[in-house]
Protein backbone atom coordinates (compact mmCIF):
# COMPACT_ATOMS: atom_id res chain seq x y z
CA MET A 1 -15.73 -1.11 -3.54
CA ASP A 2 -13.71 -2.97 -6.14
CA LEU A 3 -10.49 -4.87 -5.48
CA LYS A 4 -8.25 -2.06 -6.76
CA GLU A 5 -9.84 0.45 -4.37
CA LEU A 6 -9.51 -2.02 -1.51
CA TYR A 7 -5.78 -2.48 -2.22
CA GLN A 8 -5.33 1.31 -2.37
CA ASP A 9 -7.08 1.74 0.99
CA ILE A 10 -4.95 -0.99 2.57
CA ILE A 11 -1.73 0.56 1.23
CA LEU A 12 -2.71 4.02 2.45
CA GLU A 13 -3.60 2.72 5.92
CA HIS A 14 -0.37 0.73 6.32
CA GLY A 15 1.63 3.65 4.88
CA LYS A 16 0.18 6.06 7.47
CA SER A 17 0.26 3.63 10.40
CA PRO A 18 2.78 0.89 9.71
CA ARG A 19 2.53 -2.23 11.84
CA ASN A 20 5.63 -3.66 13.56
CA PHE A 21 7.68 -0.49 13.02
CA GLY A 22 10.85 -0.24 15.10
CA LYS A 23 13.72 -2.49 16.08
CA CYS A 24 12.71 -5.60 18.02
CA SER A 25 14.91 -6.61 20.91
CA GLY A 26 16.68 -9.93 20.70
CA HIS A 27 16.51 -10.23 16.92
CA ASN A 28 18.87 -12.86 15.51
CA HIS A 29 18.62 -11.97 11.81
CA GLU A 30 18.43 -8.73 9.89
CA ALA A 31 18.44 -7.57 6.30
CA LYS A 32 18.71 -4.21 4.57
CA GLY A 33 17.06 -3.08 1.39
CA TYR A 34 17.82 0.07 -0.57
CA ASN A 35 16.40 1.32 -3.84
CA PRO A 36 18.90 3.74 -5.40
CA LEU A 37 16.31 4.95 -7.93
CA CYS A 38 13.96 6.46 -5.36
CA GLY A 39 15.96 6.40 -2.10
CA ASP A 40 13.69 4.00 -0.18
CA GLN A 41 15.53 2.27 2.67
CA VAL A 42 14.24 -0.55 4.84
CA GLN A 43 15.90 -2.70 7.48
CA VAL A 44 14.04 -5.80 8.67
CA TYR A 45 14.70 -7.44 12.04
CA LEU A 46 13.74 -11.06 12.52
CA LYS A 47 13.64 -13.16 15.66
CA LEU A 48 13.47 -16.90 14.99
CA ASN A 49 12.96 -19.23 17.91
CA ASN A 50 14.65 -22.65 18.36
CA LYS A 51 11.95 -24.31 16.23
CA LYS A 52 12.67 -21.90 13.33
CA ASN A 53 9.35 -20.10 13.76
CA VAL A 54 9.07 -16.34 13.28
CA GLU A 55 8.63 -15.17 16.84
CA GLU A 56 8.90 -11.49 15.98
CA VAL A 57 9.55 -9.41 12.87
CA THR A 58 9.87 -5.63 12.76
CA PHE A 59 11.34 -2.99 10.50
CA GLU A 60 12.74 0.51 10.34
CA GLY A 61 13.21 2.72 7.36
CA SER A 62 11.97 5.48 5.17
CA GLY A 63 10.39 5.66 1.78
CA CYS A 64 7.17 6.11 -0.11
CA ALA A 65 3.81 4.88 1.18
CA ILE A 66 3.98 1.78 -1.01
CA SER A 67 7.41 0.80 0.31
CA ILE A 68 6.45 1.26 3.96
CA ALA A 69 3.03 -0.36 3.49
CA SER A 70 4.51 -3.36 1.69
CA THR A 71 6.97 -3.96 4.50
CA SER A 72 4.28 -3.49 7.14
CA ILE A 73 1.98 -5.98 5.41
CA MET A 74 4.80 -8.48 4.95
CA THR A 75 5.57 -8.42 8.68
CA GLU A 76 1.91 -9.10 9.48
CA LEU A 77 1.82 -12.02 7.05
CA VAL A 78 4.88 -13.90 8.33
CA LYS A 79 4.65 -13.35 12.09
CA GLY A 80 4.09 -16.66 13.88
CA LYS A 81 4.79 -18.78 10.80
CA SER A 82 7.55 -21.32 10.31
CA LEU A 83 10.58 -20.11 8.38
CA GLU A 84 9.63 -22.36 5.46
CA ILE A 85 6.08 -21.00 5.25
CA ALA A 86 7.28 -17.42 5.81
CA LYS A 87 9.60 -17.73 2.79
CA LYS A 88 6.72 -19.07 0.71
CA ILE A 89 4.45 -16.20 1.78
CA VAL A 90 7.14 -13.59 1.04
CA ASN A 91 7.67 -15.04 -2.44
CA GLU A 92 3.94 -14.99 -3.16
CA PHE A 93 3.70 -11.48 -1.73
CA LEU A 94 6.50 -10.28 -4.02
CA ASN A 95 4.72 -11.85 -6.99
CA MET A 96 1.54 -10.03 -5.98
CA ILE A 97 3.35 -6.68 -5.78
CA LYS A 98 5.08 -7.20 -9.13
CA SER A 99 2.20 -8.67 -11.10
CA GLY A 100 -0.97 -7.52 -9.33
CA SER A 101 -2.10 -11.10 -8.69
CA GLU A 102 -3.66 -12.20 -5.41
CA ILE A 103 -1.94 -14.18 -2.67
CA LYS A 104 -3.38 -17.64 -2.99
CA THR A 105 -1.45 -19.54 -0.34
CA LYS A 106 -3.41 -21.67 2.08
CA ASP A 107 -0.79 -20.82 4.71
CA LEU A 108 -2.61 -17.63 5.71
CA ASP A 109 -5.52 -17.85 8.09
CA GLU A 110 -8.53 -15.52 8.07
CA ASP A 111 -7.27 -13.64 11.15
CA GLN A 112 -4.12 -12.60 9.29
CA LYS A 113 -6.08 -11.48 6.25
CA THR A 114 -8.35 -9.43 8.53
CA LYS A 115 -5.32 -7.89 10.31
CA ILE A 116 -3.89 -6.69 7.00
CA MET A 117 -7.13 -4.92 6.13
CA SER A 118 -7.63 -3.24 9.50
């Protein structure tokens, strides 16, 4: 299986069974995203603890498989990370989505990479 097929399989899996879907209780930050061109809507709920670590991150919304899968994957990548590292990961993730490049940050451990693919 080549890398393109692997990415397609991951997107399909996360699109069908998104991780961290729903509204987490006790969130202290939230953000909405809306794409007027296709109608995709996503709302992300973030719970940062006193040390500014991502304690929990969830989302609600509707849209195409790529939109839902991207949000699902992003929540898996940042959960448990510091706010600083989470921002770095999100920026690299956005670059990957836009340009097709790989995430190269050393801030992801092998368990997180495995979670994304399962």
